[in-house]
Amino acid sequence: MSRTFECQVNELHISAAILNRFTELGRPQMVAVA
């Protein structure tokens, strides 16, 4: 864990961004079928 609160917040933002990227990659692409 980071010592300062600001570093903890930055780490949370980074980890959240990484998680969001992985969920986007793992989500099946929606393809419109006519």
Protein backbone atom coordinates (compact mmCIF):
# COMPACT_ATOMS: atom_id res chain seq x y z
CA MET A 1 0.00 0.00 0.00
CA SER A 2 1.09 3.54 -0.62
CA ARG A 3 1.99 5.69 2.31
CA THR A 4 0.26 8.89 1.27
CA PHE A 5 -3.43 9.21 0.56
CA GLU A 6 -2.78 10.92 -2.79
CA CYS A 7 -0.71 7.96 -3.98
CA GLN A 8 -3.46 5.58 -2.88
CA VAL A 9 -6.00 7.57 -4.91
CA ASN A 10 -3.72 7.53 -7.95
CA GLU A 11 -3.25 3.77 -7.66
CA LEU A 12 -7.03 3.27 -7.42
CA HIS A 13 -7.55 5.32 -10.58
CA ILE A 14 -4.90 3.32 -12.41
CA SER A 15 -6.26 -0.04 -11.29
CA ALA A 16 -9.80 1.02 -12.18
CA ALA A 17 -8.69 2.09 -15.65
CA ILE A 18 -6.93 -1.24 -16.17
CA LEU A 19 -10.01 -3.16 -15.01
CA ASN A 20 -12.22 -1.12 -17.34
CA ARG A 21 -9.88 -1.86 -20.26
CA PHE A 22 -9.93 -5.59 -19.54
CA THR A 23 -13.73 -5.66 -19.31
CA GLU A 24 -13.93 -3.81 -22.64
CA LEU A 25 -11.58 -6.31 -24.26
CA GLY A 26 -13.40 -9.28 -22.74
CA ARG A 27 -16.86 -8.07 -23.69
CA PRO A 28 -18.14 -9.66 -26.89
CA GLN A 29 -18.51 -7.16 -29.69
CA MET A 30 -22.09 -6.38 -30.62
CA VAL A 31 -22.63 -6.94 -34.33
CA ALA A 32 -25.79 -5.69 -36.01
CA VAL A 33 -27.33 -8.44 -38.11
CA ALA A 34 -29.82 -7.26 -40.72
